[in-house]
């Protein structure tokens, strides 16, 4: 999409972040991001600016996490990734 809208449906927010809907919902829940209600209409939208901030807050692969980060947010080094059974 050449120009992403400022407010995105969940489907578009997933496409924008290149996450499945399940992964998207897990990440926004972990980060405490909430969608926006749109002026009394029965629609909910995600702010593109909020998604950009969320993306910017994600650690780089292999980056050190802050000492106070919850364990479920810490990246798993590739050498510790379990082998598929």
C-alpha atoms as a PDB file:
ATOM      1  CA  UNK A   1       0.000   0.000   0.000  1.00  0.00           C
ATOM      2  CA  UNK A   2       1.673   3.269  -1.059  1.00  0.00           C
ATOM      3  CA  UNK A   3       0.184   5.463   1.672  1.00  0.00           C
ATOM      4  CA  UNK A   4      -1.088   3.824   4.850  1.00  0.00           C
ATOM      5  CA  UNK A   5      -4.071   5.557   6.472  1.00  0.00           C
ATOM      6  CA  UNK A   6      -3.671   7.164   9.904  1.00  0.00           C
ATOM      7  CA  UNK A   7      -6.290   4.800  11.366  1.00  0.00           C
ATOM      8  CA  UNK A   8      -6.192   1.113  10.500  1.00  0.00           C
ATOM      9  CA  UNK A   9      -8.589  -1.779  10.953  1.00  0.00           C
ATOM     10  CA  UNK A  10      -7.146  -4.780  12.797  1.00  0.00           C
ATOM     11  CA  UNK A  11      -6.686  -6.535   9.443  1.00  0.00           C
ATOM     12  CA  UNK A  12      -4.722  -3.577   8.044  1.00  0.00           C
ATOM     13  CA  UNK A  13      -2.762  -3.192  11.310  1.00  0.00           C
ATOM     14  CA  UNK A  14      -1.695  -6.835  10.985  1.00  0.00           C
ATOM     15  CA  UNK A  15      -0.619  -6.239   7.381  1.00  0.00           C
ATOM     16  CA  UNK A  16       1.200  -3.031   8.376  1.00  0.00           C
ATOM     17  CA  UNK A  17       3.178  -4.826  11.097  1.00  0.00           C
ATOM     18  CA  UNK A  18       3.484  -8.033   9.014  1.00  0.00           C
ATOM     19  CA  UNK A  19       2.134 -10.092  11.922  1.00  0.00           C
ATOM     20  CA  UNK A  20      -0.593 -12.696  11.991  1.00  0.00           C
ATOM     21  CA  UNK A  21      -3.674 -11.586  13.899  1.00  0.00           C
ATOM     22  CA  UNK A  22      -2.793 -13.883  16.826  1.00  0.00           C
ATOM     23  CA  UNK A  23       0.773 -12.516  17.008  1.00  0.00           C
ATOM     24  CA  UNK A  24      -0.460  -8.937  16.624  1.00  0.00           C
ATOM     25  CA  UNK A  25      -2.947  -9.345  19.478  1.00  0.00           C
ATOM     26  CA  UNK A  26      -0.264 -10.935  21.680  1.00  0.00           C
ATOM     27  CA  UNK A  27       2.243  -8.122  21.048  1.00  0.00           C
ATOM     28  CA  UNK A  28      -0.225  -5.265  21.587  1.00  0.00           C
ATOM     29  CA  UNK A  29      -1.461  -6.927  24.793  1.00  0.00           C
ATOM     30  CA  UNK A  30       2.113  -7.366  26.041  1.00  0.00           C
ATOM     31  CA  UNK A  31       2.944  -3.733  25.224  1.00  0.00           C
ATOM     32  CA  UNK A  32      -0.369  -2.389  26.580  1.00  0.00           C
ATOM     33  CA  UNK A  33      -1.428  -0.823  23.288  1.00  0.00           C
ATOM     34  CA  UNK A  34      -5.157  -0.181  22.920  1.00  0.00           C
ATOM     35  CA  UNK A  35      -7.156   0.569  19.761  1.00  0.00           C
ATOM     36  CA  UNK A  36      -9.088   3.809  19.387  1.00  0.00           C
ATOM     37  CA  UNK A  37     -12.868   4.153  19.428  1.00  0.00           C
ATOM     38  CA  UNK A  38     -13.984   6.317  16.545  1.00  0.00           C
ATOM     39  CA  UNK A  39     -16.366   9.123  17.537  1.00  0.00           C
ATOM     40  CA  UNK A  40     -19.267   7.037  18.753  1.00  0.00           C
ATOM     41  CA  UNK A  41     -19.281   4.785  15.703  1.00  0.00           C
ATOM     42  CA  UNK A  42     -19.313   1.026  16.085  1.00  0.00           C
ATOM     43  CA  UNK A  43     -15.760   0.733  14.752  1.00  0.00           C
ATOM     44  CA  UNK A  44     -12.382   0.365  16.363  1.00  0.00           C
ATOM     45  CA  UNK A  45      -9.159   1.479  14.715  1.00  0.00           C
ATOM     46  CA  UNK A  46      -5.434   1.333  15.456  1.00  0.00           C
ATOM     47  CA  UNK A  47      -3.411   4.542  15.131  1.00  0.00           C
ATOM     48  CA  UNK A  48      -0.560   4.121  12.682  1.00  0.00           C
ATOM     49  CA  UNK A  49       1.577   6.401  14.887  1.00  0.00           C
ATOM     50  CA  UNK A  50       0.985   4.068  17.862  1.00  0.00           C
ATOM     51  CA  UNK A  51       1.984   1.087  15.724  1.00  0.00           C
ATOM     52  CA  UNK A  52       5.147   2.897  14.609  1.00  0.00           C
ATOM     53  CA  UNK A  53       6.035   3.558  18.269  1.00  0.00           C
ATOM     54  CA  UNK A  54       5.342  -0.083  19.104  1.00  0.00           C
ATOM     55  CA  UNK A  55       7.611  -1.243  16.278  1.00  0.00           C
ATOM     56  CA  UNK A  56      10.346   1.161  17.394  1.00  0.00           C
ATOM     57  CA  UNK A  57      10.124  -0.228  20.949  1.00  0.00           C
ATOM     58  CA  UNK A  58      10.792  -3.825  19.890  1.00  0.00           C
ATOM     59  CA  UNK A  59      14.324  -5.034  20.607  1.00  0.00           C
ATOM     60  CA  UNK A  60      16.642  -5.992  17.788  1.00  0.00           C
ATOM     61  CA  UNK A  61      17.269  -9.700  17.414  1.00  0.00           C
ATOM     62  CA  UNK A  62      19.886 -10.699  19.967  1.00  0.00           C
ATOM     63  CA  UNK A  63      19.726  -7.330  21.735  1.00  0.00           C
ATOM     64  CA  UNK A  64      20.075  -7.194  25.481  1.00  0.00           C
ATOM     65  CA  UNK A  65      16.797  -6.652  27.318  1.00  0.00           C
ATOM     66  CA  UNK A  66      16.604  -4.329  30.332  1.00  0.00           C
ATOM     67  CA  UNK A  67      17.147  -6.155  33.638  1.00  0.00           C
ATOM     68  CA  UNK A  68      13.591  -5.305  34.751  1.00  0.00           C
ATOM     69  CA  UNK A  69      11.957  -6.711  31.585  1.00  0.00           C
ATOM     70  CA  UNK A  70       9.506  -9.557  32.201  1.00  0.00           C
ATOM     71  CA  UNK A  71      11.015 -12.924  31.180  1.00  0.00           C
ATOM     72  CA  UNK A  72       8.440 -13.501  28.430  1.00  0.00           C
ATOM     73  CA  UNK A  73       9.703 -10.415  26.555  1.00  0.00           C
ATOM     74  CA  UNK A  74      13.353 -11.456  26.551  1.00  0.00           C
ATOM     75  CA  UNK A  75      14.575 -12.696  23.178  1.00  0.00           C
ATOM     76  CA  UNK A  76      15.775 -16.297  23.076  1.00  0.00           C
ATOM     77  CA  UNK A  77      19.282 -16.547  21.639  1.00  0.00           C
ATOM     78  CA  UNK A  78      19.402 -18.750  18.543  1.00  0.00           C
ATOM     79  CA  UNK A  79      21.788 -21.133  20.302  1.00  0.00           C
ATOM     80  CA  UNK A  80      19.113 -21.798  22.936  1.00  0.00           C
ATOM     81  CA  UNK A  81      16.216 -22.325  20.559  1.00  0.00           C
ATOM     82  CA  UNK A  82      14.818 -25.830  21.126  1.00  0.00           C
ATOM     83  CA  UNK A  83      15.257 -28.281  18.285  1.00  0.00           C
ATOM     84  CA  UNK A  84      12.010 -29.354  16.568  1.00  0.00           C
ATOM     85  CA  UNK A  85      10.932 -32.846  17.569  1.00  0.00           C
END
